[in-house]
Amino acid sequence: MTGKVLERFPAGAPRGSWPAEEYAAACRAQGERVTVVMDLRSDAFLVVAEAGDEDGRAL
């Protein structure tokens, strides 16, 4: 998978809290094409923009 990491969220959020999904929804509302993926090595959820979007770090 290629893309750019826009934001990272620890997997240990309180029960019922979905900060990565909420951030992704806000990005989508602004017209960005993003998805949420789990990075098992760092135990974090990543909000990733599809390749071709500007800014962010390469995945």
PDB file of N, CA and C in Angstrom:
ATOM      1  N   MET A   1       0.842  -1.174   0.000  1.00  0.00           N
ATOM      2  CA  MET A   1       0.000   0.000   0.000  1.00  0.00           C
ATOM      3  C   MET A   1       0.888   1.238   0.000  1.00  0.00           C
ATOM      4  N   THR A   2       0.558   2.179  -0.840  1.00  0.00           N
ATOM      5  CA  THR A   2       1.294   3.436  -0.850  1.00  0.00           C
ATOM      6  C   THR A   2       0.351   4.567  -0.493  1.00  0.00           C
ATOM      7  N   GLY A   3       0.894   5.573   0.114  1.00  0.00           N
ATOM      8  CA  GLY A   3       0.115   6.737   0.522  1.00  0.00           C
ATOM      9  C   GLY A   3       0.931   7.554   1.490  1.00  0.00           C
ATOM     10  N   LYS A   4       0.295   8.550   2.039  1.00  0.00           N
ATOM     11  CA  LYS A   4       0.980   9.420   2.991  1.00  0.00           C
ATOM     12  C   LYS A   4       0.237   9.423   4.309  1.00  0.00           C
ATOM     13  N   VAL A   5       0.975   9.271   5.396  1.00  0.00           N
ATOM     14  CA  VAL A   5       0.388   9.268   6.730  1.00  0.00           C
ATOM     15  C   VAL A   5       0.073  10.707   7.116  1.00  0.00           C
ATOM     16  N   LEU A   6      -1.196  10.974   7.374  1.00  0.00           N
ATOM     17  CA  LEU A   6      -1.613  12.303   7.798  1.00  0.00           C
ATOM     18  C   LEU A   6      -1.594  12.440   9.313  1.00  0.00           C
ATOM     19  N   GLU A   7      -1.944  11.359  10.010  1.00  0.00           N
ATOM     20  CA  GLU A   7      -2.038  11.416  11.468  1.00  0.00           C
ATOM     21  C   GLU A   7      -1.934  10.008  12.037  1.00  0.00           C
ATOM     22  N   ARG A   8      -1.432   9.913  13.275  1.00  0.00           N
ATOM     23  CA  ARG A   8      -1.325   8.627  13.994  1.00  0.00           C
ATOM     24  C   ARG A   8      -2.118   8.726  15.291  1.00  0.00           C
ATOM     25  N   PHE A   9      -2.773   7.639  15.653  1.00  0.00           N
ATOM     26  CA  PHE A   9      -3.535   7.583  16.895  1.00  0.00           C
ATOM     27  C   PHE A   9      -3.213   6.275  17.611  1.00  0.00           C
ATOM     28  N   PRO A  10      -2.895   6.318  18.907  1.00  0.00           N
ATOM     29  CA  PRO A  10      -2.609   5.084  19.637  1.00  0.00           C
ATOM     30  C   PRO A  10      -3.827   4.163  19.632  1.00  0.00           C
ATOM     31  N   ALA A  11      -3.559   2.867  19.585  1.00  0.00           N
ATOM     32  CA  ALA A  11      -4.646   1.889  19.560  1.00  0.00           C
ATOM     33  C   ALA A  11      -5.347   1.785  20.910  1.00  0.00           C
ATOM     34  N   GLY A  12      -4.765   2.310  21.948  1.00  0.00           N
ATOM     35  CA  GLY A  12      -5.337   2.183  23.291  1.00  0.00           C
ATOM     36  C   GLY A  12      -6.311   3.274  23.672  1.00  0.00           C
ATOM     37  N   ALA A  13      -7.080   3.794  22.729  1.00  0.00           N
ATOM     38  CA  ALA A  13      -8.072   4.829  23.050  1.00  0.00           C
ATOM     39  C   ALA A  13      -9.146   4.249  23.973  1.00  0.00           C
ATOM     40  N   PRO A  14      -9.797   5.085  24.769  1.00  0.00           N
ATOM     41  CA  PRO A  14     -10.845   4.581  25.663  1.00  0.00           C
ATOM     42  C   PRO A  14     -11.947   3.863  24.890  1.00  0.00           C
ATOM     43  N   ARG A  15     -12.564   2.914  25.521  1.00  0.00           N
ATOM     44  CA  ARG A  15     -13.629   2.143  24.885  1.00  0.00           C
ATOM     45  C   ARG A  15     -14.720   3.072  24.366  1.00  0.00           C
ATOM     46  N   GLY A  16     -15.137   2.846  23.122  1.00  0.00           N
ATOM     47  CA  GLY A  16     -16.173   3.665  22.513  1.00  0.00           C
ATOM     48  C   GLY A  16     -15.638   4.922  21.847  1.00  0.00           C
ATOM     49  N   SER A  17     -14.325   5.135  21.941  1.00  0.00           N
ATOM     50  CA  SER A  17     -13.695   6.297  21.321  1.00  0.00           C
ATOM     51  C   SER A  17     -13.007   5.851  20.034  1.00  0.00           C
ATOM     52  N   TRP A  18     -13.231   6.563  18.950  1.00  0.00           N
ATOM     53  CA  TRP A  18     -12.656   6.219  17.658  1.00  0.00           C
ATOM     54  C   TRP A  18     -11.987   7.443  17.050  1.00  0.00           C
ATOM     55  N   PRO A  19     -10.917   7.952  17.652  1.00  0.00           N
ATOM     56  CA  PRO A  19     -10.316   9.201  17.171  1.00  0.00           C
ATOM     57  C   PRO A  19      -9.799   9.136  15.735  1.00  0.00           C
ATOM     58  N   ALA A  20      -9.263   8.009  15.311  1.00  0.00           N
ATOM     59  CA  ALA A  20      -8.762   7.904  13.940  1.00  0.00           C
ATOM     60  C   ALA A  20      -9.917   7.975  12.944  1.00  0.00           C
ATOM     61  N   GLU A  21     -11.003   7.290  13.244  1.00  0.00           N
ATOM     62  CA  GLU A  21     -12.173   7.318  12.361  1.00  0.00           C
ATOM     63  C   GLU A  21     -12.809   8.701  12.325  1.00  0.00           C
ATOM     64  N   GLU A  22     -12.830   9.379  13.468  1.00  0.00           N
ATOM     65  CA  GLU A  22     -13.391  10.727  13.521  1.00  0.00           C
ATOM     66  C   GLU A  22     -12.538  11.698  12.704  1.00  0.00           C
ATOM     67  N   TYR A  23     -11.224  11.584  12.810  1.00  0.00           N
ATOM     68  CA  TYR A  23     -10.318  12.429  12.032  1.00  0.00           C
ATOM     69  C   TYR A  23     -10.494  12.150  10.538  1.00  0.00           C
ATOM     70  N   ALA A  24     -10.577  10.877  10.185  1.00  0.00           N
ATOM     71  CA  ALA A  24     -10.753  10.502   8.783  1.00  0.00           C
ATOM     72  C   ALA A  24     -12.076  11.044   8.243  1.00  0.00           C
ATOM     73  N   ALA A  25     -13.131  10.987   9.030  1.00  0.00           N
ATOM     74  CA  ALA A  25     -14.426  11.516   8.592  1.00  0.00           C
ATOM     75  C   ALA A  25     -14.347  13.019   8.334  1.00  0.00           C
ATOM     76  N   ALA A  26     -13.620  13.739   9.181  1.00  0.00           N
ATOM     77  CA  ALA A  26     -13.449  15.183   8.983  1.00  0.00           C
ATOM     78  C   ALA A  26     -12.667  15.455   7.696  1.00  0.00           C
ATOM     79  N   CYS A  27     -11.647  14.641   7.431  1.00  0.00           N
ATOM     80  CA  CYS A  27     -10.874  14.794   6.193  1.00  0.00           C
ATOM     81  C   CYS A  27     -11.750  14.519   4.984  1.00  0.00           C
ATOM     82  N   ARG A  28     -12.560  13.468   5.058  1.00  0.00           N
ATOM     83  CA  ARG A  28     -13.448  13.126   3.945  1.00  0.00           C
ATOM     84  C   ARG A  28     -14.473  14.226   3.700  1.00  0.00           C
ATOM     85  N   ALA A  29     -14.941  14.858   4.769  1.00  0.00           N
ATOM     86  CA  ALA A  29     -15.901  15.951   4.631  1.00  0.00           C
ATOM     87  C   ALA A  29     -15.292  17.135   3.881  1.00  0.00           C
ATOM     88  N   GLN A  30     -13.965  17.241   3.924  1.00  0.00           N
ATOM     89  CA  GLN A  30     -13.255  18.305   3.205  1.00  0.00           C
ATOM     90  C   GLN A  30     -12.822  17.849   1.806  1.00  0.00           C
ATOM     91  N   GLY A  31     -13.246  16.661   1.407  1.00  0.00           N
ATOM     92  CA  GLY A  31     -12.961  16.171   0.062  1.00  0.00           C
ATOM     93  C   GLY A  31     -11.699  15.348  -0.087  1.00  0.00           C
ATOM     94  N   GLU A  32     -11.010  15.070   1.010  1.00  0.00           N
ATOM     95  CA  GLU A  32      -9.794  14.254   0.926  1.00  0.00           C
ATOM     96  C   GLU A  32     -10.160  12.777   0.849  1.00  0.00           C
ATOM     97  N   ARG A  33      -9.360  12.022   0.110  1.00  0.00           N
ATOM     98  CA  ARG A  33      -9.553  10.578   0.003  1.00  0.00           C
ATOM     99  C   ARG A  33      -8.603   9.901   0.979  1.00  0.00           C
ATOM    100  N   VAL A  34      -9.129   9.451   2.105  1.00  0.00           N
ATOM    101  CA  VAL A  34      -8.313   8.856   3.162  1.00  0.00           C
ATOM    102  C   VAL A  34      -8.901   7.528   3.600  1.00  0.00           C
ATOM    103  N   THR A  35      -8.056   6.748   4.245  1.00  0.00           N
ATOM    104  CA  THR A  35      -8.496   5.500   4.858  1.00  0.00           C
ATOM    105  C   THR A  35      -7.769   5.338   6.186  1.00  0.00           C
ATOM    106  N   VAL A  36      -8.316   4.506   7.054  1.00  0.00           N
ATOM    107  CA  VAL A  36      -7.689   4.216   8.342  1.00  0.00           C
ATOM    108  C   VAL A  36      -7.121   2.802   8.280  1.00  0.00           C
ATOM    109  N   VAL A  37      -5.858   2.666   8.654  1.00  0.00           N
ATOM    110  CA  VAL A  37      -5.205   1.357   8.678  1.00  0.00           C
ATOM    111  C   VAL A  37      -4.549   1.152  10.043  1.00  0.00           C
ATOM    112  N   MET A  38      -4.342  -0.108  10.391  1.00  0.00           N
ATOM    113  CA  MET A  38      -3.688  -0.450  11.646  1.00  0.00           C
ATOM    114  C   MET A  38      -2.230  -0.772  11.372  1.00  0.00           C
ATOM    115  N   ASP A  39      -1.337  -0.108  12.096  1.00  0.00           N
ATOM    116  CA  ASP A  39       0.096  -0.410  12.034  1.00  0.00           C
ATOM    117  C   ASP A  39       0.409  -1.299  13.240  1.00  0.00           C
ATOM    118  N   LEU A  40       0.558  -2.581  12.985  1.00  0.00           N
ATOM    119  CA  LEU A  40       0.765  -3.527  14.083  1.00  0.00           C
ATOM    120  C   LEU A  40       2.089  -3.317  14.803  1.00  0.00           C
ATOM    121  N   ARG A  41       3.121  -2.902  14.082  1.00  0.00           N
ATOM    122  CA  ARG A  41       4.432  -2.691  14.715  1.00  0.00           C
ATOM    123  C   ARG A  41       4.382  -1.618  15.783  1.00  0.00           C
ATOM    124  N   SER A  42       3.680  -0.516  15.489  1.00  0.00           N
ATOM    125  CA  SER A  42       3.632   0.586  16.457  1.00  0.00           C
ATOM    126  C   SER A  42       2.358   0.577  17.295  1.00  0.00           C
ATOM    127  N   ASP A  43       1.465  -0.389  17.052  1.00  0.00           N
ATOM    128  CA  ASP A  43       0.194  -0.490  17.773  1.00  0.00           C
ATOM    129  C   ASP A  43      -0.568   0.838  17.693  1.00  0.00           C
ATOM    130  N   ALA A  44      -0.717   1.323  16.448  1.00  0.00           N
ATOM    131  CA  ALA A  44      -1.387   2.598  16.233  1.00  0.00           C
ATOM    132  C   ALA A  44      -2.248   2.523  14.974  1.00  0.00           C
ATOM    133  N   PHE A  45      -3.286   3.353  14.962  1.00  0.00           N
ATOM    134  CA  PHE A  45      -4.095   3.519  13.768  1.00  0.00           C
ATOM    135  C   PHE A  45      -3.547   4.700  12.993  1.00  0.00           C
ATOM    136  N   LEU A  46      -3.425   4.540  11.676  1.00  0.00           N
ATOM    137  CA  LEU A  46      -2.902   5.598  10.819  1.00  0.00           C
ATOM    138  C   LEU A  46      -4.001   6.071   9.884  1.00  0.00           C
ATOM    139  N   VAL A  47      -4.114   7.369   9.727  1.00  0.00           N
ATOM    140  CA  VAL A  47      -5.002   7.930   8.717  1.00  0.00           C
ATOM    141  C   VAL A  47      -4.112   8.224   7.519  1.00  0.00           C
ATOM    142  N   VAL A  48      -4.403   7.554   6.411  1.00  0.00           N
ATOM    143  CA  VAL A  48      -3.527   7.592   5.243  1.00  0.00           C
ATOM    144  C   VAL A  48      -4.264   8.200   4.054  1.00  0.00           C
ATOM    145  N   ALA A  49      -3.638   9.195   3.423  1.00  0.00           N
ATOM    146  CA  ALA A  49      -4.161   9.781   2.190  1.00  0.00           C
ATOM    147  C   ALA A  49      -3.675   8.941   1.021  1.00  0.00           C
ATOM    148  N   GLU A  50      -4.506   8.808   0.022  1.00  0.00           N
ATOM    149  CA  GLU A  50      -4.110   8.052  -1.159  1.00  0.00           C
ATOM    150  C   GLU A  50      -2.955   8.739  -1.859  1.00  0.00           C
ATOM    151  N   ALA A  51      -2.117   7.959  -2.526  1.00  0.00           N
ATOM    152  CA  ALA A  51      -0.976   8.507  -3.259  1.00  0.00           C
ATOM    153  C   ALA A  51      -1.470   9.556  -4.246  1.00  0.00           C
ATOM    154  N   GLY A  52      -0.674  10.623  -4.379  1.00  0.00           N
ATOM    155  CA  GLY A  52      -1.049  11.702  -5.272  1.00  0.00           C
ATOM    156  C   GLY A  52      -1.500  12.939  -4.521  1.00  0.00           C
ATOM    157  N   ASP A  53      -1.870  12.802  -3.229  1.00  0.00           N
ATOM    158  CA  ASP A  53      -2.226  13.955  -2.407  1.00  0.00           C
ATOM    159  C   ASP A  53      -0.947  14.599  -1.912  1.00  0.00           C
ATOM    160  N   GLU A  54      -0.962  15.918  -1.769  1.00  0.00           N
ATOM    161  CA  GLU A  54       0.245  16.611  -1.326  1.00  0.00           C
ATOM    162  C   GLU A  54       0.384  16.586   0.193  1.00  0.00           C
ATOM    163  N   ASP A  55       1.615  16.843   0.646  1.00  0.00           N
ATOM    164  CA  ASP A  55       1.988  16.906   2.065  1.00  0.00           C
ATOM    165  C   ASP A  55       1.872  15.555   2.744  1.00  0.00           C
ATOM    166  N   GLY A  56       2.411  15.450   3.940  1.00  0.00           N
ATOM    167  CA  GLY A  56       2.392  14.209   4.697  1.00  0.00           C
ATOM    168  C   GLY A  56       3.686  13.434   4.479  1.00  0.00           C
ATOM    169  N   ARG A  57       3.830  12.362   5.210  1.00  0.00           N
ATOM    170  CA  ARG A  57       5.017  11.534   5.118  1.00  0.00           C
ATOM    171  C   ARG A  57       4.707  10.309   4.288  1.00  0.00           C
ATOM    172  N   ALA A  58       5.671   9.859   3.548  1.00  0.00           N
ATOM    173  CA  ALA A  58       5.494   8.646   2.744  1.00  0.00           C
ATOM    174  C   ALA A  58       5.340   7.451   3.660  1.00  0.00           C
ATOM    175  N   LEU A  59       4.473   6.558   3.306  1.00  0.00           N
ATOM    176  CA  LEU A  59       4.227   5.347   4.091  1.00  0.00           C
ATOM    177  C   LEU A  59       5.244   4.299   3.754  1.00  0.00           C
TER     178      LEU A  59
END
